[in-house]
Amino acid sequence: MNLSLLAADLPSLQLRSCLINRRGEPLLQYYQKPAAETEIARINSCTKSILSALICIAMDQGLLPPPETAVSRFYPQLAADKDTRKAQLTLSHLLTMSAGFNWTEFGGQNSFPKMTRSPNWVEFVLGQPLAHPPGQVMEYNSGVSQLLSAILMQAVERPVTAFAEQYLFGPLGITAYSWESDPQGIATGGFGMSLRPADLLKFGQLYLQQGKWGDRQLITPERVIRSVQPAIDADPPRRGGYAWHWWTDVFPDPDSSSTESAPILEYYYARGYGEQFVYVLPAQETVVVLTKDQKQKQQPPLDVFRDCVAPALLDRYSSKIN
């Protein structure tokens, strides 16, 4: 499939938007209806990757200590916990969701709904027992994202939204957004943000440009590179790896029947419930944004990127069309 065929198929895929840029220029722009271009919409867990960017900015500015720093620096009760493994928790463990908490986001324990119904989300997360030693197992956990947001707020001594407006949203020209908060007024770290698709594209482009926007270096290249390197295998049935609140993967599968000389797309991406995505493909200098109206259901859901977009991009780039 090439991009022209992909464009023709987009209405049947029930996407709210599909934006593809290469080298900062549009290859494809699709909106299901005009309002989708101008209205903000929930990006759900893509919020995690934006929080990661803010963590990186704070580290670059010396407001947050290095990722190897113990979380007990911010929450001393962890050092006094009867489970001595909690004292070993680091910012890196939170960023890679390898803290080891006994946590099932949905289903089973329903840890996420229980957190959001609790009077203090941070205390709820800190009080959860550990199921694994820190750093050994990735367990998807929006609770650790809330801890990171709370830690960031402590470190920058202002609301996370104010920090974002000054050092990320402002420089990117993002003026239309909303961001929920917990009962203590801490910005939700794992979800709760609403943005326009074009602003998600700017965010992906910032990472493609290794943290540079215009003549400003918003995030150091070294920090960008480290934050998107896979640190641990994703928890099954999810595929690929996990970095600092970014997912990583390749297309096609390394063990597929394709020949060894066939080109491969390596990418990292932000992912939100209801099929909200930002993909960054460094070697191809490409950013892809896919969003969907969460009221629309498709059973089983189609992996639009891997089934439709990635083959079209691979076809384009392997044919050396620029």
C-alpha atoms as a PDB file:
ATOM      1  CA  MET A   1       0.000   0.000   0.000  1.00  0.00           C
ATOM      2  CA  ASN A   2       1.273   3.505  -0.813  1.00  0.00           C
ATOM      3  CA  LEU A   3       0.221   6.786   0.792  1.00  0.00           C
ATOM      4  CA  SER A   4      -2.326   7.528  -1.926  1.00  0.00           C
ATOM      5  CA  LEU A   5      -4.100   4.247  -1.272  1.00  0.00           C
ATOM      6  CA  LEU A   6      -3.847   4.858   2.465  1.00  0.00           C
ATOM      7  CA  ALA A   7      -5.490   8.265   2.058  1.00  0.00           C
ATOM      8  CA  ALA A   8      -8.333   6.698   0.119  1.00  0.00           C
ATOM      9  CA  ASP A   9      -8.863   4.112   2.870  1.00  0.00           C
ATOM     10  CA  LEU A  10      -8.823   6.523   5.822  1.00  0.00           C
ATOM     11  CA  PRO A  11     -12.587   7.241   5.952  1.00  0.00           C
ATOM     12  CA  SER A  12     -13.283   3.517   6.419  1.00  0.00           C
ATOM     13  CA  LEU A  13     -10.812   3.323   9.333  1.00  0.00           C
ATOM     14  CA  GLN A  14     -12.992   5.610  11.475  1.00  0.00           C
ATOM     15  CA  LEU A  15     -10.059   7.782  12.526  1.00  0.00           C
ATOM     16  CA  ARG A  16     -10.639  11.258  13.887  1.00  0.00           C
ATOM     17  CA  SER A  17      -7.352  12.383  12.383  1.00  0.00           C
ATOM     18  CA  CYS A  18      -4.288  11.068  10.576  1.00  0.00           C
ATOM     19  CA  LEU A  19      -1.309  13.393  10.180  1.00  0.00           C
ATOM     20  CA  ILE A  20       2.009  12.341   8.643  1.00  0.00           C
ATOM     21  CA  ASN A  21       4.976  14.712   8.357  1.00  0.00           C
ATOM     22  CA  ARG A  22       8.419  14.084   6.953  1.00  0.00           C
ATOM     23  CA  ARG A  23      11.248  16.541   7.587  1.00  0.00           C
ATOM     24  CA  GLY A  24       8.655  18.901   9.042  1.00  0.00           C
ATOM     25  CA  GLU A  25       6.550  18.942   5.878  1.00  0.00           C
ATOM     26  CA  PRO A  26       3.136  17.276   5.523  1.00  0.00           C
ATOM     27  CA  LEU A  27       2.880  14.053   3.562  1.00  0.00           C
ATOM     28  CA  LEU A  28      -0.735  13.442   4.538  1.00  0.00           C
ATOM     29  CA  GLN A  29      -3.354  15.378   6.491  1.00  0.00           C
ATOM     30  CA  TYR A  30      -6.741  13.844   7.191  1.00  0.00           C
ATOM     31  CA  TYR A  31      -9.519  14.994   9.502  1.00  0.00           C
ATOM     32  CA  GLN A  32     -12.759  13.092   9.775  1.00  0.00           C
ATOM     33  CA  LYS A  33     -14.650  16.379  10.032  1.00  0.00           C
ATOM     34  CA  PRO A  34     -13.581  20.043  10.181  1.00  0.00           C
ATOM     35  CA  ALA A  35     -14.080  20.288  13.945  1.00  0.00           C
ATOM     36  CA  ALA A  36     -11.453  17.590  14.496  1.00  0.00           C
ATOM     37  CA  GLU A  37      -8.779  20.017  13.312  1.00  0.00           C
ATOM     38  CA  THR A  38      -9.651  22.826  15.719  1.00  0.00           C
ATOM     39  CA  GLU A  39     -11.144  21.155  18.794  1.00  0.00           C
ATOM     40  CA  ILE A  40      -9.125  19.624  21.610  1.00  0.00           C
ATOM     41  CA  ALA A  41      -9.816  15.989  22.465  1.00  0.00           C
ATOM     42  CA  ARG A  42      -8.661  13.599  25.156  1.00  0.00           C
ATOM     43  CA  ILE A  43      -5.284  11.977  24.494  1.00  0.00           C
ATOM     44  CA  ASN A  44      -5.480   9.729  27.570  1.00  0.00           C
ATOM     45  CA  SER A  45      -2.160   7.955  28.262  1.00  0.00           C
ATOM     46  CA  CYS A  46      -0.281   9.988  25.656  1.00  0.00           C
ATOM     47  CA  THR A  47      -0.194  12.361  28.626  1.00  0.00           C
ATOM     48  CA  LYS A  48       2.517  10.088  30.053  1.00  0.00           C
ATOM     49  CA  SER A  49       4.940  10.929  27.244  1.00  0.00           C
ATOM     50  CA  ILE A  50       4.343  14.659  27.685  1.00  0.00           C
ATOM     51  CA  LEU A  51       5.025  14.255  31.401  1.00  0.00           C
ATOM     52  CA  SER A  52       8.254  12.473  30.428  1.00  0.00           C
ATOM     53  CA  ALA A  53       9.271  15.508  28.381  1.00  0.00           C
ATOM     54  CA  LEU A  54       8.654  17.785  31.373  1.00  0.00           C
ATOM     55  CA  ILE A  55      10.699  15.465  33.595  1.00  0.00           C
ATOM     56  CA  CYS A  56      13.543  15.682  31.062  1.00  0.00           C
ATOM     57  CA  ILE A  57      13.340  19.488  30.978  1.00  0.00           C
ATOM     58  CA  ALA A  58      13.441  19.662  34.782  1.00  0.00           C
ATOM     59  CA  MET A  59      16.474  17.350  34.868  1.00  0.00           C
ATOM     60  CA  ASP A  60      18.229  19.451  32.243  1.00  0.00           C
ATOM     61  CA  GLN A  61      17.602  22.556  34.339  1.00  0.00           C
ATOM     62  CA  GLY A  62      18.940  20.905  37.482  1.00  0.00           C
ATOM     63  CA  LEU A  63      15.542  21.139  39.185  1.00  0.00           C
ATOM     64  CA  LEU A  64      15.234  17.362  39.331  1.00  0.00           C
ATOM     65  CA  PRO A  65      18.152  15.107  40.308  1.00  0.00           C
ATOM     66  CA  PRO A  66      19.461  12.302  38.046  1.00  0.00           C
ATOM     67  CA  PRO A  67      17.189   9.342  37.250  1.00  0.00           C
ATOM     68  CA  GLU A  68      19.165   7.089  39.620  1.00  0.00           C
ATOM     69  CA  THR A  69      17.998   9.198  42.589  1.00  0.00           C
ATOM     70  CA  ALA A  70      15.929   7.389  45.221  1.00  0.00           C
ATOM     71  CA  VAL A  71      12.227   8.267  45.339  1.00  0.00           C
ATOM     72  CA  SER A  72      12.593   8.393  49.137  1.00  0.00           C
ATOM     73  CA  ARG A  73      14.317  11.756  48.654  1.00  0.00           C
ATOM     74  CA  PHE A  74      10.832  13.090  47.934  1.00  0.00           C
ATOM     75  CA  TYR A  75       8.855  10.637  50.070  1.00  0.00           C
ATOM     76  CA  PRO A  76      10.989   9.707  53.118  1.00  0.00           C
ATOM     77  CA  GLN A  77       8.342   7.243  54.343  1.00  0.00           C
ATOM     78  CA  LEU A  78       9.595   4.812  51.689  1.00  0.00           C
ATOM     79  CA  ALA A  79      12.945   4.528  53.465  1.00  0.00           C
ATOM     80  CA  ALA A  80      11.128   3.599  56.686  1.00  0.00           C
ATOM     81  CA  ASP A  81       8.766   1.070  55.073  1.00  0.00           C
ATOM     82  CA  LYS A  82       8.885  -2.460  56.496  1.00  0.00           C
ATOM     83  CA  ASP A  83       9.538  -3.685  52.949  1.00  0.00           C
ATOM     84  CA  THR A  84      13.129  -2.510  52.607  1.00  0.00           C
ATOM     85  CA  ARG A  85      12.932  -2.863  48.822  1.00  0.00           C
ATOM     86  CA  LYS A  86      10.868   0.332  48.676  1.00  0.00           C
ATOM     87  CA  ALA A  87      13.949   2.291  49.735  1.00  0.00           C
ATOM     88  CA  GLN A  88      15.582   1.100  46.493  1.00  0.00           C
ATOM     89  CA  LEU A  89      12.943   2.723  44.275  1.00  0.00           C
ATOM     90  CA  THR A  90      14.428   5.318  41.905  1.00  0.00           C
ATOM     91  CA  LEU A  91      13.050   7.879  39.476  1.00  0.00           C
ATOM     92  CA  SER A  92      14.237   5.574  36.703  1.00  0.00           C
ATOM     93  CA  HIS A  93      12.073   2.753  38.051  1.00  0.00           C
ATOM     94  CA  LEU A  94       9.047   5.050  37.948  1.00  0.00           C
ATOM     95  CA  LEU A  95       9.836   6.285  34.439  1.00  0.00           C
ATOM     96  CA  THR A  96      10.166   2.730  33.094  1.00  0.00           C
ATOM     97  CA  MET A  97       7.214   1.362  35.097  1.00  0.00           C
ATOM     98  CA  SER A  98       9.493  -1.189  36.710  1.00  0.00           C
ATOM     99  CA  ALA A  99       8.893  -0.087  40.309  1.00  0.00           C
ATOM    100  CA  GLY A 100       7.530  -3.533  41.155  1.00  0.00           C
ATOM    101  CA  PHE A 101       4.249  -2.503  42.779  1.00  0.00           C
ATOM    102  CA  ASN A 102       1.536  -5.154  43.010  1.00  0.00           C
ATOM    103  CA  TRP A 103      -0.674  -3.399  40.485  1.00  0.00           C
ATOM    104  CA  THR A 104      -3.214  -4.420  37.859  1.00  0.00           C
ATOM    105  CA  GLU A 105      -4.357  -1.305  35.984  1.00  0.00           C
ATOM    106  CA  PHE A 106      -7.750  -2.692  34.887  1.00  0.00           C
ATOM    107  CA  GLY A 107      -9.353  -6.042  35.566  1.00  0.00           C
ATOM    108  CA  GLY A 108      -8.317  -8.187  38.479  1.00  0.00           C
ATOM    109  CA  GLN A 109      -7.343  -5.702  41.167  1.00  0.00           C
ATOM    110  CA  ASN A 110      -8.614  -2.700  39.178  1.00  0.00           C
ATOM    111  CA  SER A 111      -5.828  -0.664  40.742  1.00  0.00           C
ATOM    112  CA  PHE A 112      -6.353   2.397  38.550  1.00  0.00           C
ATOM    113  CA  PRO A 113     -10.082   2.853  39.374  1.00  0.00           C
ATOM    114  CA  LYS A 114      -9.316   2.310  43.056  1.00  0.00           C
ATOM    115  CA  MET A 115      -6.650   5.004  42.937  1.00  0.00           C
ATOM    116  CA  THR A 116      -8.964   7.531  41.291  1.00  0.00           C
ATOM    117  CA  ARG A 117     -11.649   6.852  43.927  1.00  0.00           C
ATOM    118  CA  SER A 118      -9.211   7.341  46.811  1.00  0.00           C
ATOM    119  CA  PRO A 119      -8.941  10.711  48.637  1.00  0.00           C
ATOM    120  CA  ASN A 120      -5.177  10.933  48.057  1.00  0.00           C
ATOM    121  CA  TRP A 121      -3.805   9.248  44.925  1.00  0.00           C
ATOM    122  CA  VAL A 122      -0.136   9.624  45.828  1.00  0.00           C
ATOM    123  CA  GLU A 123      -0.600   8.072  49.256  1.00  0.00           C
ATOM    124  CA  PHE A 124      -2.611   5.268  47.683  1.00  0.00           C
ATOM    125  CA  VAL A 125       0.245   4.399  45.305  1.00  0.00           C
ATOM    126  CA  LEU A 126       2.970   4.690  47.932  1.00  0.00           C
ATOM    127  CA  GLY A 127       1.003   2.340  50.163  1.00  0.00           C
ATOM    128  CA  GLN A 128       0.763  -0.472  47.616  1.00  0.00           C
ATOM    129  CA  PRO A 129       2.894  -3.561  48.365  1.00  0.00           C
ATOM    130  CA  LEU A 130       5.677  -4.644  46.052  1.00  0.00           C
ATOM    131  CA  ALA A 131       5.238  -7.807  44.001  1.00  0.00           C
ATOM    132  CA  HIS A 132       8.715  -7.694  42.445  1.00  0.00           C
ATOM    133  CA  PRO A 133      12.098  -6.171  43.281  1.00  0.00           C
ATOM    134  CA  PRO A 134      12.423  -2.750  41.607  1.00  0.00           C
ATOM    135  CA  GLY A 135      13.829  -2.849  38.093  1.00  0.00           C
ATOM    136  CA  GLN A 136      12.979  -6.447  37.206  1.00  0.00           C
ATOM    137  CA  VAL A 137       9.472  -6.419  35.723  1.00  0.00           C
ATOM    138  CA  MET A 138       7.509  -3.848  33.733  1.00  0.00           C
ATOM    139  CA  GLU A 139       3.918  -3.551  34.965  1.00  0.00           C
ATOM    140  CA  TYR A 140       1.753  -0.881  33.318  1.00  0.00           C
ATOM    141  CA  ASN A 141       0.881   1.477  36.135  1.00  0.00           C
ATOM    142  CA  SER A 142      -0.641   4.962  35.882  1.00  0.00           C
ATOM    143  CA  GLY A 143      -0.050   5.284  39.615  1.00  0.00           C
ATOM    144  CA  VAL A 144       3.704   5.697  39.153  1.00  0.00           C
ATOM    145  CA  SER A 145       2.963   8.403  36.589  1.00  0.00           C
ATOM    146  CA  GLN A 146       1.041  10.238  39.301  1.00  0.00           C
ATOM    147  CA  LEU A 147       4.035   9.902  41.620  1.00  0.00           C
ATOM    148  CA  LEU A 148       6.227  11.449  38.920  1.00  0.00           C
ATOM    149  CA  SER A 149       3.837  14.347  38.452  1.00  0.00           C
ATOM    150  CA  ALA A 150       3.801  14.936  42.209  1.00  0.00           C
ATOM    151  CA  ILE A 151       7.605  14.760  42.369  1.00  0.00           C
ATOM    152  CA  LEU A 152       7.892  17.188  39.461  1.00  0.00           C
ATOM    153  CA  MET A 153       5.553  19.620  41.219  1.00  0.00           C
ATOM    154  CA  GLN A 154       7.724  19.409  44.344  1.00  0.00           C
ATOM    155  CA  ALA A 155      10.898  19.970  42.370  1.00  0.00           C
ATOM    156  CA  VAL A 156       9.784  22.961  40.282  1.00  0.00           C
ATOM    157  CA  GLU A 157       7.797  24.493  43.174  1.00  0.00           C
ATOM    158  CA  ARG A 158       4.839  25.390  41.001  1.00  0.00           C
ATOM    159  CA  PRO A 159       1.931  23.613  39.302  1.00  0.00           C
ATOM    160  CA  VAL A 160       3.049  21.235  36.575  1.00  0.00           C
ATOM    161  CA  THR A 161       0.754  23.043  34.134  1.00  0.00           C
ATOM    162  CA  ALA A 162       2.546  26.347  34.779  1.00  0.00           C
ATOM    163  CA  PHE A 163       5.920  24.671  34.219  1.00  0.00           C
ATOM    164  CA  ALA A 164       4.599  23.097  30.992  1.00  0.00           C
ATOM    165  CA  GLU A 165       3.277  26.428  29.719  1.00  0.00           C
ATOM    166  CA  GLN A 166       6.629  28.145  30.227  1.00  0.00           C
ATOM    167  CA  TYR A 167       9.012  25.485  28.979  1.00  0.00           C
ATOM    168  CA  LEU A 168       7.065  23.227  26.599  1.00  0.00           C
ATOM    169  CA  PHE A 169       3.621  24.404  25.542  1.00  0.00           C
ATOM    170  CA  GLY A 170       4.615  28.045  25.162  1.00  0.00           C
ATOM    171  CA  PRO A 171       7.632  27.442  22.927  1.00  0.00           C
ATOM    172  CA  LEU A 172       5.654  24.944  20.817  1.00  0.00           C
ATOM    173  CA  GLY A 173       2.780  27.397  20.425  1.00  0.00           C
ATOM    174  CA  ILE A 174       0.308  25.130  22.212  1.00  0.00           C
ATOM    175  CA  THR A 175      -2.388  27.416  23.612  1.00  0.00           C
ATOM    176  CA  ALA A 176      -5.495  25.222  23.500  1.00  0.00           C
ATOM    177  CA  TYR A 177      -5.369  22.412  26.031  1.00  0.00           C
ATOM    178  CA  SER A 178      -6.917  21.095  29.215  1.00  0.00           C
ATOM    179  CA  TRP A 179      -5.322  18.977  31.952  1.00  0.00           C
ATOM    180  CA  GLU A 180      -7.117  17.307  34.832  1.00  0.00           C
ATOM    181  CA  SER A 181      -5.780  17.117  38.388  1.00  0.00           C
ATOM    182  CA  ASP A 182      -6.110  14.833  41.411  1.00  0.00           C
ATOM    183  CA  PRO A 183      -7.837  15.797  44.708  1.00  0.00           C
ATOM    184  CA  GLN A 184      -4.627  17.527  45.878  1.00  0.00           C
ATOM    185  CA  GLY A 185      -4.437  19.655  42.727  1.00  0.00           C
ATOM    186  CA  ILE A 186      -1.576  17.658  41.187  1.00  0.00           C
ATOM    187  CA  ALA A 187      -1.801  17.361  37.403  1.00  0.00           C
ATOM    188  CA  THR A 188      -2.740  13.838  36.368  1.00  0.00           C
ATOM    189  CA  GLY A 189       0.484  12.205  35.251  1.00  0.00           C
ATOM    190  CA  GLY A 190      -0.912   9.210  33.426  1.00  0.00           C
ATOM    191  CA  PHE A 191      -3.944  10.618  31.611  1.00  0.00           C
ATOM    192  CA  GLY A 192      -6.321  13.583  31.624  1.00  0.00           C
ATOM    193  CA  MET A 193      -4.886  15.888  28.965  1.00  0.00           C
ATOM    194  CA  SER A 194      -6.742  17.115  25.888  1.00  0.00           C
ATOM    195  CA  LEU A 195      -4.963  18.543  22.823  1.00  0.00           C
ATOM    196  CA  ARG A 196      -5.477  19.181  19.131  1.00  0.00           C
ATOM    197  CA  PRO A 197      -3.965  16.654  16.684  1.00  0.00           C
ATOM    198  CA  ALA A 198      -1.704  19.326  15.186  1.00  0.00           C
ATOM    199  CA  ASP A 199      -0.237  20.015  18.615  1.00  0.00           C
ATOM    200  CA  LEU A 200       0.455  16.319  19.121  1.00  0.00           C
ATOM    201  CA  LEU A 201       2.301  16.496  15.809  1.00  0.00           C
ATOM    202  CA  LYS A 202       4.411  19.391  17.128  1.00  0.00           C
ATOM    203  CA  PHE A 203       5.270  17.327  20.185  1.00  0.00           C
ATOM    204  CA  GLY A 204       6.410  14.413  18.034  1.00  0.00           C
ATOM    205  CA  GLN A 205       8.381  16.773  15.794  1.00  0.00           C
ATOM    206  CA  LEU A 206      10.177  18.173  18.849  1.00  0.00           C
ATOM    207  CA  TYR A 207      11.435  14.688  19.652  1.00  0.00           C
ATOM    208  CA  LEU A 208      12.338  13.972  16.030  1.00  0.00           C
ATOM    209  CA  GLN A 209      14.467  17.136  16.187  1.00  0.00           C
ATOM    210  CA  GLN A 210      16.108  15.856  19.384  1.00  0.00           C
ATOM    211  CA  GLY A 211      14.540  18.496  21.583  1.00  0.00           C
ATOM    212  CA  LYS A 212      15.140  21.530  19.370  1.00  0.00           C
ATOM    213  CA  TRP A 213      12.353  23.859  18.303  1.00  0.00           C
ATOM    214  CA  GLY A 214      13.274  26.785  16.114  1.00  0.00           C
ATOM    215  CA  ASP A 215      16.402  28.291  17.636  1.00  0.00           C
ATOM    216  CA  ARG A 216      15.670  26.926  21.131  1.00  0.00           C
ATOM    217  CA  GLN A 217      16.899  23.669  22.641  1.00  0.00           C
ATOM    218  CA  LEU A 218      13.944  22.735  24.864  1.00  0.00           C
ATOM    219  CA  ILE A 219      15.404  19.348  25.854  1.00  0.00           C
ATOM    220  CA  THR A 220      19.048  18.384  25.467  1.00  0.00           C
ATOM    221  CA  PRO A 221      19.687  15.836  22.699  1.00  0.00           C
ATOM    222  CA  GLU A 222      21.354  13.516  25.196  1.00  0.00           C
ATOM    223  CA  ARG A 223      18.262  13.509  27.396  1.00  0.00           C
ATOM    224  CA  VAL A 224      15.930  12.909  24.452  1.00  0.00           C
ATOM    225  CA  ILE A 225      18.025   9.969  23.260  1.00  0.00           C
ATOM    226  CA  ARG A 226      18.182   8.383  26.697  1.00  0.00           C
ATOM    227  CA  SER A 227      14.483   8.864  27.371  1.00  0.00           C
ATOM    228  CA  VAL A 228      13.346   6.961  24.258  1.00  0.00           C
ATOM    229  CA  GLN A 229      15.786   4.052  24.472  1.00  0.00           C
ATOM    230  CA  PRO A 230      14.038   0.792  25.422  1.00  0.00           C
ATOM    231  CA  ALA A 231      14.923   0.042  29.030  1.00  0.00           C
ATOM    232  CA  ILE A 232      12.801  -3.036  29.656  1.00  0.00           C
ATOM    233  CA  ASP A 233      10.573  -5.432  27.734  1.00  0.00           C
ATOM    234  CA  ALA A 234       6.929  -4.412  27.617  1.00  0.00           C
ATOM    235  CA  ASP A 235       4.591  -6.449  29.774  1.00  0.00           C
ATOM    236  CA  PRO A 236       2.664  -9.093  27.744  1.00  0.00           C
ATOM    237  CA  PRO A 237       0.484  -9.017  25.750  1.00  0.00           C
ATOM    238  CA  ARG A 238       1.963  -5.661  24.824  1.00  0.00           C
ATOM    239  CA  ARG A 239       4.819  -5.834  22.340  1.00  0.00           C
ATOM    240  CA  GLY A 240       8.208  -4.162  22.001  1.00  0.00           C
ATOM    241  CA  GLY A 241       9.980  -2.301  24.764  1.00  0.00           C
ATOM    242  CA  TYR A 242       9.362   0.502  27.204  1.00  0.00           C
ATOM    243  CA  ALA A 243      11.462   3.606  27.768  1.00  0.00           C
ATOM    244  CA  TRP A 244      10.780   6.707  29.915  1.00  0.00           C
ATOM    245  CA  HIS A 245       7.004   6.654  29.445  1.00  0.00           C
ATOM    246  CA  TRP A 246       7.464   5.968  25.720  1.00  0.00           C
ATOM    247  CA  TRP A 247       6.863   2.652  23.922  1.00  0.00           C
ATOM    248  CA  THR A 248       9.357   1.289  21.377  1.00  0.00           C
ATOM    249  CA  ASP A 249       9.014  -1.215  18.544  1.00  0.00           C
ATOM    250  CA  VAL A 250      10.085  -2.171  15.006  1.00  0.00           C
ATOM    251  CA  PHE A 251       8.230  -3.029  11.796  1.00  0.00           C
ATOM    252  CA  PRO A 252       8.055  -5.665  10.455  1.00  0.00           C
ATOM    253  CA  ASP A 253       8.652  -8.185  13.217  1.00  0.00           C
ATOM    254  CA  PRO A 254      12.311  -9.262  13.361  1.00  0.00           C
ATOM    255  CA  ASP A 255      11.257 -12.912  13.113  1.00  0.00           C
ATOM    256  CA  SER A 256       8.927 -12.376  10.162  1.00  0.00           C
ATOM    257  CA  SER A 257       9.429 -14.134   6.845  1.00  0.00           C
ATOM    258  CA  SER A 258      10.903 -11.005   5.257  1.00  0.00           C
ATOM    259  CA  THR A 259      14.470 -11.252   4.001  1.00  0.00           C
ATOM    260  CA  GLU A 260      17.384 -10.062   6.100  1.00  0.00           C
ATOM    261  CA  SER A 261      18.066  -7.243   3.640  1.00  0.00           C
ATOM    262  CA  ALA A 262      14.518  -5.879   3.834  1.00  0.00           C
ATOM    263  CA  PRO A 263      14.251  -2.384   5.378  1.00  0.00           C
ATOM    264  CA  ILE A 264      12.972  -2.057   8.934  1.00  0.00           C
ATOM    265  CA  LEU A 265      11.175   0.841  10.565  1.00  0.00           C
ATOM    266  CA  GLU A 266      12.410   1.502  14.099  1.00  0.00           C
ATOM    267  CA  TYR A 267      10.157   3.806  16.078  1.00  0.00           C
ATOM    268  CA  TYR A 268       9.021   4.959  19.480  1.00  0.00           C
ATOM    269  CA  TYR A 269       5.569   6.183  20.307  1.00  0.00           C
ATOM    270  CA  ALA A 270       3.090   7.620  22.773  1.00  0.00           C
ATOM    271  CA  ARG A 271      -0.082   5.605  23.195  1.00  0.00           C
ATOM    272  CA  GLY A 272      -3.420   6.501  24.736  1.00  0.00           C
ATOM    273  CA  TYR A 273      -6.616   4.549  25.343  1.00  0.00           C
ATOM    274  CA  GLY A 274      -9.122   4.763  22.500  1.00  0.00           C
ATOM    275  CA  GLU A 275      -6.388   4.658  19.833  1.00  0.00           C
ATOM    276  CA  GLN A 276      -4.583   7.967  20.362  1.00  0.00           C
ATOM    277  CA  PHE A 277      -0.996   7.754  19.086  1.00  0.00           C
ATOM    278  CA  VAL A 278       2.123   9.771  18.308  1.00  0.00           C
ATOM    279  CA  TYR A 279       4.793   7.816  16.385  1.00  0.00           C
ATOM    280  CA  VAL A 280       8.351   9.046  15.810  1.00  0.00           C
ATOM    281  CA  LEU A 281      10.503   7.316  13.160  1.00  0.00           C
ATOM    282  CA  PRO A 282      13.976   8.877  13.433  1.00  0.00           C
ATOM    283  CA  ALA A 283      15.658   7.176  10.455  1.00  0.00           C
ATOM    284  CA  GLN A 284      12.780   8.164   8.171  1.00  0.00           C
ATOM    285  CA  GLU A 285      12.544  11.700   9.689  1.00  0.00           C
ATOM    286  CA  THR A 286       8.828  11.071  10.043  1.00  0.00           C
ATOM    287  CA  VAL A 287       6.148  11.771  12.634  1.00  0.00           C
ATOM    288  CA  VAL A 288       2.696  10.164  12.556  1.00  0.00           C
ATOM    289  CA  VAL A 289      -0.321  11.181  14.641  1.00  0.00           C
ATOM    290  CA  LEU A 290      -3.422   8.990  14.767  1.00  0.00           C
ATOM    291  CA  THR A 291      -6.476   9.877  16.848  1.00  0.00           C
ATOM    292  CA  LYS A 292      -9.912   8.342  17.081  1.00  0.00           C
ATOM    293  CA  ASP A 293     -13.317   9.260  18.424  1.00  0.00           C
ATOM    294  CA  GLN A 294     -13.576   7.128  21.547  1.00  0.00           C
ATOM    295  CA  LYS A 295     -17.324   6.733  21.079  1.00  0.00           C
ATOM    296  CA  GLN A 296     -16.676   4.642  17.990  1.00  0.00           C
ATOM    297  CA  LYS A 297     -16.013   0.966  18.596  1.00  0.00           C
ATOM    298  CA  GLN A 298     -14.458  -1.565  16.283  1.00  0.00           C
ATOM    299  CA  GLN A 299     -14.233  -5.247  17.209  1.00  0.00           C
ATOM    300  CA  PRO A 300     -11.530  -6.347  17.131  1.00  0.00           C
ATOM    301  CA  PRO A 301      -9.693  -2.993  16.966  1.00  0.00           C
ATOM    302  CA  LEU A 302      -7.415  -2.583  13.967  1.00  0.00           C
ATOM    303  CA  ASP A 303      -3.762  -1.677  14.546  1.00  0.00           C
ATOM    304  CA  VAL A 304      -3.890   1.154  12.019  1.00  0.00           C
ATOM    305  CA  PHE A 305      -0.205   1.989  12.227  1.00  0.00           C
ATOM    306  CA  ARG A 306       1.179  -1.520  11.760  1.00  0.00           C
ATOM    307  CA  ASP A 307      -1.544  -2.737   9.402  1.00  0.00           C
ATOM    308  CA  CYS A 308      -1.899   0.358   7.226  1.00  0.00           C
ATOM    309  CA  VAL A 309       0.504   3.229   7.869  1.00  0.00           C
ATOM    310  CA  ALA A 310       3.796   1.364   8.389  1.00  0.00           C
ATOM    311  CA  PRO A 311       3.449  -0.708   5.179  1.00  0.00           C
ATOM    312  CA  ALA A 312       2.692   2.477   3.222  1.00  0.00           C
ATOM    313  CA  LEU A 313       5.736   4.240   4.675  1.00  0.00           C
ATOM    314  CA  LEU A 314       7.946   1.219   4.073  1.00  0.00           C
ATOM    315  CA  ASP A 315       6.754   1.087   0.485  1.00  0.00           C
ATOM    316  CA  ARG A 316       7.497   4.773   0.016  1.00  0.00           C
ATOM    317  CA  TYR A 317      10.937   4.799   1.569  1.00  0.00           C
ATOM    318  CA  SER A 318      12.101   1.470   0.117  1.00  0.00           C
ATOM    319  CA  SER A 319      11.149   2.838  -3.304  1.00  0.00           C
ATOM    320  CA  LYS A 320      13.407   5.841  -2.563  1.00  0.00           C
ATOM    321  CA  ILE A 321      10.636   8.333  -3.182  1.00  0.00           C
ATOM    322  CA  ASN A 322      11.433  11.661  -1.481  1.00  0.00           C
END
